[in-house]
Amino acid sequence: MTNVQGVSLDLPTPDGTADAYFAHPDDGAPHPGVLLYMDAFGLRPGLKEMARRLAGHGYAVLVPNVLHRAGRAPLVELPEHINPSERPELFHQLMPLIQALTPELAMRDAGAYLDWLAASPLVADGPVGTTGYCLGGVLALRTAAAFPDRVAAVGSFHAGHLVTDAENSPHRLLDRIAAELYFGHADQDHSMSAEQIKELERALDAAGIRYRSELYEGAHHGYTQADTAAYNAEASERHWQALLDLFGRTL
């Protein structure tokens, strides 16, 4: 682990300014870039801490507010610790904002995020890694499909709806991806059933992609997020090991 610096910043996108957080080793040298995609609750202290932890292993980590069209983070008032009783009201407020982020808009933003990383003197040349949580896992996968020459690795953790009936379902984009993929599924996740996981793995095999897809037994949707009741310390540490192994091989 190395000392890190973190800074809040504003990123230009085709549709306005996105607030973001950037964490990097404090040695002034360029390091492999990582685009870290937020979960539904958004850019907040817990995600910034995750970015700093990853930066401590030698990465330059950008965490954008992907819902920036609705305003700066936090978009809703968040408690310090999110309990199950508070989730319904929070999702009632957040879901319309999430649904308004179409894949087309999200990938237009992704291009801007990747451009920013490529232009930063603190980011090494070459493809970046992406990692995402909840809806961020979907965005990470879509980014790898939209920019196959710019993304070398994808970590997707407790992501839901990776398999849907839609024509642009994430699992239908796999043949566009050149990156190595890792999926850490929660076995207590209603948004990604056992059958959906099997269908995802069938699509991955058909696409000939290098990947690992693992089930985290006893883990709930959101198991990596320490400021929520879904947090599972054992599963979270397993996720960190898998993510660092992935980036160590590919970046």
Foldseek 3Di string as FASTA:
>chain_A
DADKDKDWDWFDFPVGIWIKMKMAHPPLAAFFEEEEEEALQFDDPQVNVVNNVVRRVTYIYMYTGLLPVCHYPPNDDDDQAAEPVNVVVSCVVRVVSVVVCDLVNLLSVLVRVLVVLCPDNRHDDFAHEYEYAACGLLSRLSNQLVCQRRYAEYEYEQYFQCDDPDPVRSLNSLLSGPHEYEYEHECAEPRQHPVNLVVSVVSCVVSVHHYYYDYDYPAYRPCLRPRYPRHDPVSNVVSVVVVCVRVVVTD
